[in-house]
């Protein structure tokens, strides 16, 4: 038997109850379309990021790792932009909006930068990273 306790019975306390029965949805975690629409329409931001990632992985297997990983990194960055701009992104929302945008942005930027610096023949050379690697290798 579950007994509901109202605010007045608790003495006007604004504390959360000791037992919770549900988890709050992340900010912006609502559907992008109504429940009458099919699932792909309701979750199009997540499907867009996943499709871009899959396309990058396919390009990576066919032509080379660098272009494919750039597509993957840009897909993750696009997920961060979608999370920032759209009011509701469905299952693309995992945490708070700020945390999701920072996480997607940092991961996407890291993937792109590491791809541009990959050996052999890096497209981007950052001298301070060579110094860090030299310092850590003990040379």
N, C-alpha and C. Protein backbone atom coordinates (compact mmCIF):
# COMPACT_ATOMS: atom_id res chain seq x y z
N UNK A 1 0.85 -1.17 0.00
CA UNK A 1 0.00 0.00 0.00
C UNK A 1 0.89 1.24 0.00
N UNK A 2 0.67 2.12 -0.96
CA UNK A 2 1.44 3.35 -1.07
C UNK A 2 0.61 4.49 -0.51
N UNK A 3 1.18 5.23 0.41
CA UNK A 3 0.49 6.36 1.02
C UNK A 3 1.12 7.63 0.49
N UNK A 4 0.32 8.49 -0.11
CA UNK A 4 0.80 9.77 -0.62
C UNK A 4 0.78 10.78 0.52
N UNK A 5 1.88 11.50 0.67
CA UNK A 5 1.97 12.51 1.71
C UNK A 5 1.99 13.87 1.03
N UNK A 6 1.06 14.72 1.37
CA UNK A 6 1.01 16.04 0.75
C UNK A 6 1.98 16.98 1.47
N UNK A 7 2.20 18.13 0.85
CA UNK A 7 3.12 19.12 1.42
C UNK A 7 2.64 19.60 2.78
N UNK A 8 1.33 19.76 2.95
CA UNK A 8 0.83 20.25 4.24
C UNK A 8 1.01 19.20 5.33
N UNK A 9 0.94 17.91 4.99
CA UNK A 9 1.13 16.86 5.98
C UNK A 9 2.59 16.75 6.40
N UNK A 10 3.51 17.17 5.53
CA UNK A 10 4.93 17.12 5.85
C UNK A 10 5.37 18.38 6.58
N UNK A 11 4.46 19.23 6.90
CA UNK A 11 4.81 20.45 7.60
C UNK A 11 5.29 21.55 6.66
N UNK A 12 4.90 21.50 5.38
CA UNK A 12 5.28 22.54 4.43
C UNK A 12 6.72 22.41 3.93
N UNK A 13 7.32 21.27 4.13
CA UNK A 13 8.71 21.06 3.72
C UNK A 13 8.82 21.04 2.20
N UNK A 14 9.89 21.64 1.72
CA UNK A 14 10.13 21.64 0.28
C UNK A 14 11.18 20.60 -0.10
N UNK A 15 11.53 19.74 0.83
CA UNK A 15 12.51 18.69 0.56
C UNK A 15 11.92 17.65 -0.38
N UNK A 16 12.83 16.99 -1.09
CA UNK A 16 12.39 15.89 -1.93
C UNK A 16 11.97 14.72 -1.04
N UNK A 17 11.06 13.90 -1.51
CA UNK A 17 10.66 12.75 -0.70
C UNK A 17 11.83 11.77 -0.56
N UNK A 18 11.78 10.97 0.49
CA UNK A 18 12.84 10.00 0.72
C UNK A 18 12.82 8.89 -0.32
N UNK A 19 11.66 8.55 -0.80
CA UNK A 19 11.53 7.52 -1.82
C UNK A 19 11.02 8.19 -3.09
N UNK A 20 11.75 8.00 -4.18
CA UNK A 20 11.30 8.54 -5.46
C UNK A 20 10.83 7.39 -6.34
N UNK A 21 9.89 7.69 -7.21
CA UNK A 21 9.30 6.66 -8.04
C UNK A 21 9.63 6.85 -9.51
N UNK A 22 10.33 7.91 -9.87
CA UNK A 22 10.58 8.17 -11.27
C UNK A 22 11.86 8.99 -11.40
N UNK A 23 12.41 9.03 -12.57
CA UNK A 23 13.60 9.82 -12.86
C UNK A 23 13.20 10.95 -13.80
N UNK A 24 13.68 12.13 -13.51
CA UNK A 24 13.35 13.28 -14.35
C UNK A 24 14.03 13.16 -15.70
N UNK A 25 13.34 13.55 -16.74
CA UNK A 25 13.88 13.55 -18.09
C UNK A 25 14.89 14.68 -18.22
N UNK A 26 16.00 14.50 -18.98
CA UNK A 26 16.95 15.59 -19.15
C UNK A 26 16.30 16.80 -19.81
N UNK A 27 16.86 17.96 -19.55
CA UNK A 27 16.34 19.19 -20.14
C UNK A 27 16.41 19.08 -21.66
N UNK A 28 15.30 19.24 -22.34
CA UNK A 28 15.26 19.13 -23.79
C UNK A 28 15.12 17.71 -24.27
N UNK A 29 14.84 16.76 -23.36
CA UNK A 29 14.76 15.37 -23.74
C UNK A 29 13.42 14.94 -24.30
N UNK A 30 12.53 15.88 -24.52
CA UNK A 30 11.22 15.53 -25.07
C UNK A 30 11.31 15.18 -26.54
N UNK A 31 10.24 14.60 -27.05
CA UNK A 31 10.20 14.23 -28.46
C UNK A 31 10.25 15.47 -29.33
N UNK A 32 10.82 15.30 -30.52
CA UNK A 32 10.85 16.42 -31.46
C UNK A 32 9.56 16.51 -32.25
N UNK A 33 8.74 15.46 -32.19
CA UNK A 33 7.43 15.45 -32.84
C UNK A 33 6.47 14.73 -31.91
N UNK A 34 5.19 14.86 -32.16
CA UNK A 34 4.18 14.26 -31.31
C UNK A 34 4.20 12.75 -31.34
N UNK A 35 3.49 12.13 -30.40
CA UNK A 35 3.46 10.69 -30.29
C UNK A 35 2.80 9.98 -31.46
N UNK A 36 2.03 10.70 -32.26
CA UNK A 36 1.39 10.09 -33.42
C UNK A 36 2.33 9.85 -34.59
N UNK A 37 3.50 10.44 -34.55
CA UNK A 37 4.47 10.26 -35.63
C UNK A 37 5.32 9.02 -35.36
N UNK A 38 5.87 8.42 -36.44
CA UNK A 38 6.72 7.24 -36.22
C UNK A 38 8.02 7.62 -35.50
N UNK A 39 8.65 6.62 -34.92
CA UNK A 39 9.86 6.83 -34.10
C UNK A 39 10.97 7.57 -34.85
N UNK A 40 11.26 7.28 -36.12
CA UNK A 40 12.34 8.03 -36.78
C UNK A 40 12.08 9.53 -36.86
N UNK A 41 10.83 9.91 -36.98
CA UNK A 41 10.51 11.34 -37.04
C UNK A 41 10.68 11.96 -35.65
N UNK A 42 10.32 11.23 -34.62
CA UNK A 42 10.43 11.76 -33.25
C UNK A 42 11.89 11.85 -32.79
N UNK A 43 12.76 11.03 -33.34
CA UNK A 43 14.15 10.99 -32.89
C UNK A 43 15.13 11.39 -33.99
N UNK A 44 14.75 12.29 -34.90
CA UNK A 44 15.61 12.62 -36.04
C UNK A 44 16.95 13.23 -35.64
N UNK A 45 17.10 13.99 -34.55
CA UNK A 45 18.45 14.50 -34.24
C UNK A 45 19.44 13.37 -33.92
N UNK A 46 19.01 12.41 -33.13
CA UNK A 46 19.88 11.28 -32.81
C UNK A 46 20.19 10.46 -34.05
N UNK A 47 19.18 10.22 -34.88
CA UNK A 47 19.40 9.44 -36.10
C UNK A 47 20.32 10.17 -37.08
N UNK A 48 20.28 11.49 -37.09
CA UNK A 48 21.19 12.25 -37.95
C UNK A 48 22.64 12.06 -37.52
N UNK A 49 22.89 12.15 -36.23
CA UNK A 49 24.25 11.96 -35.72
C UNK A 49 24.72 10.53 -35.97
N UNK A 50 23.85 9.56 -35.72
CA UNK A 50 24.22 8.16 -35.95
C UNK A 50 24.47 7.87 -37.42
N UNK A 51 23.66 8.45 -38.30
CA UNK A 51 23.86 8.25 -39.75
C UNK A 51 25.18 8.86 -40.20
N UNK A 52 25.51 10.05 -39.69
CA UNK A 52 26.80 10.66 -40.03
C UNK A 52 27.97 9.83 -39.53
N UNK A 53 27.84 9.28 -38.33
CA UNK A 53 28.90 8.43 -37.79
C UNK A 53 29.05 7.16 -38.61
N UNK A 54 27.93 6.54 -38.98
CA UNK A 54 27.98 5.34 -39.80
C UNK A 54 28.58 5.64 -41.17
N UNK A 55 28.21 6.78 -41.75
CA UNK A 55 28.79 7.16 -43.04
C UNK A 55 30.30 7.35 -42.92
N UNK A 56 30.74 7.97 -41.84
CA UNK A 56 32.18 8.14 -41.63
C UNK A 56 32.90 6.82 -41.48
N UNK A 57 32.29 5.87 -40.77
CA UNK A 57 32.91 4.55 -40.62
C UNK A 57 32.96 3.81 -41.95
N UNK A 58 31.92 3.95 -42.77
CA UNK A 58 31.94 3.31 -44.09
C UNK A 58 33.00 3.94 -44.98
N UNK A 59 33.11 5.25 -44.97
CA UNK A 59 34.15 5.92 -45.76
C UNK A 59 35.53 5.49 -45.27
N UNK A 60 35.67 5.32 -43.98
CA UNK A 60 36.96 4.92 -43.42
C UNK A 60 37.36 3.53 -43.92
N UNK A 61 36.41 2.63 -44.04
CA UNK A 61 36.75 1.28 -44.50
C UNK A 61 37.03 1.25 -46.00
N UNK A 62 36.43 2.15 -46.76
CA UNK A 62 36.58 2.11 -48.21
C UNK A 62 37.79 2.90 -48.67
N UNK A 63 37.91 4.15 -48.25
CA UNK A 63 38.94 5.01 -48.86
C UNK A 63 40.11 5.34 -47.94
N UNK A 64 39.91 5.40 -46.67
CA UNK A 64 41.02 5.74 -45.79
C UNK A 64 40.49 6.27 -44.48
N UNK A 65 41.36 6.19 -43.48
CA UNK A 65 40.88 6.51 -42.13
C UNK A 65 40.69 8.00 -41.91
N UNK A 66 41.48 8.84 -42.58
CA UNK A 66 41.48 10.26 -42.24
C UNK A 66 40.16 10.95 -42.60
N UNK A 67 39.69 10.77 -43.80
CA UNK A 67 38.44 11.41 -44.22
C UNK A 67 37.26 10.85 -43.42
N UNK A 68 37.25 9.54 -43.22
CA UNK A 68 36.17 8.92 -42.46
C UNK A 68 36.10 9.42 -41.03
N UNK A 69 37.26 9.54 -40.37
CA UNK A 69 37.25 10.03 -39.00
C UNK A 69 36.90 11.51 -38.92
N UNK A 70 37.24 12.27 -39.94
CA UNK A 70 36.80 13.68 -39.97
C UNK A 70 35.27 13.76 -40.04
N UNK A 71 34.67 12.86 -40.81
CA UNK A 71 33.20 12.83 -40.89
C UNK A 71 32.61 12.43 -39.53
N UNK A 72 33.23 11.46 -38.86
CA UNK A 72 32.74 11.05 -37.53
C UNK A 72 32.84 12.22 -36.55
N UNK A 73 33.99 12.90 -36.53
CA UNK A 73 34.17 14.04 -35.62
C UNK A 73 33.19 15.17 -35.91
N UNK A 74 32.96 15.43 -37.19
CA UNK A 74 32.00 16.49 -37.54
C UNK A 74 30.58 16.08 -37.18
N UNK A 75 30.27 14.79 -37.23
CA UNK A 75 28.93 14.33 -36.80
C UNK A 75 28.72 14.55 -35.31
N UNK A 76 29.75 14.28 -34.53
CA UNK A 76 29.64 14.52 -33.09
C UNK A 76 29.51 16.01 -32.80
N UNK A 77 30.28 16.83 -33.52
CA UNK A 77 30.14 18.29 -33.37
C UNK A 77 28.74 18.75 -33.78
N UNK A 78 28.19 18.16 -34.84
CA UNK A 78 26.83 18.50 -35.26
C UNK A 78 25.83 18.12 -34.18
N UNK A 79 26.07 17.02 -33.48
CA UNK A 79 25.20 16.65 -32.36
C UNK A 79 25.23 17.71 -31.27
N UNK A 80 26.41 18.26 -31.00
CA UNK A 80 26.51 19.34 -30.02
C UNK A 80 25.76 20.59 -30.45
N UNK A 81 25.84 20.90 -31.74
CA UNK A 81 25.13 22.08 -32.26
C UNK A 81 23.62 21.85 -32.20
N UNK A 82 23.18 20.64 -32.57
CA UNK A 82 21.74 20.34 -32.49
C UNK A 82 21.25 20.43 -31.06
N UNK A 83 22.05 19.94 -30.13
CA UNK A 83 21.68 19.99 -28.71
C UNK A 83 21.59 21.42 -28.21
N UNK A 84 22.46 22.28 -28.73
CA UNK A 84 22.47 23.68 -28.31
C UNK A 84 21.29 24.46 -28.89
N UNK A 85 20.97 24.19 -30.15
CA UNK A 85 20.01 25.02 -30.88
C UNK A 85 18.56 24.57 -30.70
N UNK A 86 18.32 23.27 -30.74
CA UNK A 86 16.94 22.79 -30.72
C UNK A 86 16.38 22.72 -29.30
N UNK A 87 15.12 23.05 -29.13
CA UNK A 87 14.54 22.98 -27.78
C UNK A 87 14.30 21.54 -27.31
N UNK A 88 14.03 20.62 -28.23
CA UNK A 88 13.81 19.21 -27.88
C UNK A 88 14.56 18.35 -28.88
N UNK A 89 15.40 17.44 -28.37
CA UNK A 89 16.21 16.60 -29.25
C UNK A 89 16.00 15.12 -28.98
N UNK A 90 15.03 14.76 -28.19
CA UNK A 90 14.75 13.35 -27.94
C UNK A 90 15.86 12.67 -27.18
N UNK A 91 16.28 11.51 -27.66
CA UNK A 91 17.27 10.71 -26.95
C UNK A 91 18.69 11.23 -27.12
N UNK A 92 18.90 12.26 -27.90
CA UNK A 92 20.21 12.90 -27.97
C UNK A 92 20.53 13.63 -26.66
N UNK A 93 19.50 13.96 -25.91
CA UNK A 93 19.68 14.59 -24.60
C UNK A 93 19.96 13.50 -23.58
N UNK A 94 21.14 13.58 -22.97
CA UNK A 94 21.52 12.58 -21.98
C UNK A 94 21.61 13.22 -20.60
N UNK A 95 22.21 14.39 -20.54
CA UNK A 95 22.39 15.11 -19.28
C UNK A 95 21.77 16.50 -19.45
N UNK A 96 22.24 17.47 -18.69
CA UNK A 96 21.76 18.83 -18.88
C UNK A 96 22.27 19.36 -20.22
N UNK A 97 21.61 20.39 -20.71
CA UNK A 97 21.99 20.95 -22.02
C UNK A 97 23.46 21.39 -22.01
N UNK A 98 23.88 22.10 -20.97
CA UNK A 98 25.26 22.58 -20.89
C UNK A 98 26.26 21.42 -20.94
N UNK A 99 26.01 20.40 -20.14
CA UNK A 99 26.93 19.26 -20.09
C UNK A 99 26.97 18.52 -21.41
N UNK A 100 25.83 18.34 -22.05
CA UNK A 100 25.81 17.66 -23.36
C UNK A 100 26.57 18.46 -24.41
N UNK A 101 26.34 19.76 -24.46
CA UNK A 101 27.02 20.58 -25.48
C UNK A 101 28.53 20.56 -25.26
N UNK A 102 28.97 20.69 -24.01
CA UNK A 102 30.40 20.67 -23.72
C UNK A 102 31.00 19.30 -24.04
N UNK A 103 30.29 18.24 -23.69
CA UNK A 103 30.80 16.88 -23.95
C UNK A 103 30.88 16.59 -25.44
N UNK A 104 29.80 16.87 -26.17
CA UNK A 104 29.82 16.63 -27.62
C UNK A 104 30.87 17.51 -28.29
N UNK A 105 30.97 18.75 -27.87
CA UNK A 105 31.96 19.65 -28.47
C UNK A 105 33.39 19.21 -28.20
N UNK A 106 33.67 18.80 -26.96
CA UNK A 106 35.03 18.37 -26.63
C UNK A 106 35.40 17.08 -27.35
N UNK A 107 34.49 16.11 -27.37
CA UNK A 107 34.78 14.85 -28.06
C UNK A 107 34.93 15.05 -29.56
N UNK A 108 34.04 15.84 -30.16
CA UNK A 108 34.14 16.09 -31.60
C UNK A 108 35.42 16.82 -31.96
N UNK A 109 35.77 17.83 -31.17
CA UNK A 109 37.01 18.58 -31.44
C UNK A 109 38.23 17.68 -31.27
N UNK A 110 38.23 16.84 -30.25
CA UNK A 110 39.34 15.93 -30.02
C UNK A 110 39.49 14.93 -31.17
N UNK A 111 38.39 14.39 -31.64
CA UNK A 111 38.45 13.45 -32.76
C UNK A 111 39.01 14.14 -34.01
N UNK A 112 38.53 15.35 -34.30
CA UNK A 112 39.00 16.07 -35.48
C UNK A 112 40.48 16.42 -35.35
N UNK A 113 40.90 16.95 -34.20
CA UNK A 113 42.31 17.33 -34.03
C UNK A 113 43.24 16.13 -34.09
N UNK A 114 42.87 15.05 -33.42
CA UNK A 114 43.72 13.86 -33.47
C UNK A 114 43.78 13.26 -34.87
N UNK A 115 42.69 13.35 -35.61
CA UNK A 115 42.70 12.86 -36.99
C UNK A 115 43.62 13.72 -37.85
N UNK A 116 43.58 15.03 -37.67
CA UNK A 116 44.44 15.91 -38.46
C UNK A 116 45.91 15.74 -38.11
N UNK A 117 46.22 15.29 -36.90
CA UNK A 117 47.61 15.14 -36.47
C UNK A 117 48.13 13.72 -36.62
N UNK A 118 47.31 12.81 -37.16
CA UNK A 118 47.70 11.40 -37.24
C UNK A 118 48.86 11.22 -38.21
N UNK A 119 49.73 10.28 -37.88
CA UNK A 119 50.87 9.93 -38.72
C UNK A 119 50.44 8.84 -39.70
N UNK A 120 51.05 8.66 -40.82
CA UNK A 120 52.13 9.44 -41.42
C UNK A 120 51.56 10.67 -42.15
N UNK A 121 52.41 11.61 -42.39
CA UNK A 121 52.08 12.87 -43.09
C UNK A 121 50.89 13.59 -42.45
N UNK A 122 51.06 14.11 -41.24
CA UNK A 122 49.95 14.83 -40.59
C UNK A 122 49.55 16.08 -41.36
N UNK A 123 48.27 16.37 -41.36
CA UNK A 123 47.77 17.58 -42.00
C UNK A 123 47.90 18.79 -41.09
N UNK A 124 48.11 18.54 -39.81
CA UNK A 124 48.24 19.61 -38.82
C UNK A 124 49.37 19.23 -37.88
N UNK A 125 50.29 20.16 -37.69
CA UNK A 125 51.40 19.92 -36.76
C UNK A 125 51.36 20.99 -35.68
N UNK A 126 51.33 20.54 -34.44
CA UNK A 126 51.36 21.45 -33.31
C UNK A 126 52.67 21.23 -32.57
N UNK A 127 53.58 22.22 -32.60
CA UNK A 127 54.92 22.01 -32.04
C UNK A 127 54.92 21.69 -30.55
N UNK A 128 54.01 22.26 -29.79
CA UNK A 128 54.03 22.01 -28.36
C UNK A 128 53.68 20.56 -28.03
N UNK A 129 52.94 19.88 -28.92
CA UNK A 129 52.65 18.48 -28.68
C UNK A 129 53.89 17.61 -28.87
N UNK A 130 54.74 17.99 -29.81
CA UNK A 130 56.00 17.26 -29.96
C UNK A 130 56.85 17.40 -28.70
N UNK A 131 56.86 18.58 -28.11
CA UNK A 131 57.62 18.78 -26.87
C UNK A 131 57.04 17.94 -25.74
N UNK A 132 55.73 17.84 -25.67
CA UNK A 132 55.11 17.03 -24.62
C UNK A 132 55.46 15.56 -24.81
N UNK A 133 55.39 15.08 -26.06
CA UNK A 133 55.72 13.69 -26.33
C UNK A 133 57.19 13.41 -26.03
N UNK A 134 58.07 14.34 -26.38
CA UNK A 134 59.49 14.17 -26.13
C UNK A 134 59.74 14.13 -24.62
N UNK A 135 59.05 15.00 -23.88
CA UNK A 135 59.21 15.05 -22.42
C UNK A 135 58.71 13.76 -21.78
N UNK A 136 57.57 13.25 -22.27
CA UNK A 136 56.99 12.04 -21.66
C UNK A 136 57.78 10.78 -22.04
N UNK A 137 58.46 10.80 -23.19
CA UNK A 137 59.22 9.62 -23.61
C UNK A 137 60.56 9.53 -22.88
N UNK A 138 60.98 10.60 -22.25
CA UNK A 138 62.22 10.58 -21.48
C UNK A 138 63.47 10.83 -22.32
N UNK A 139 63.32 11.37 -23.53
CA UNK A 139 64.48 11.67 -24.38
C UNK A 139 65.20 12.91 -23.93
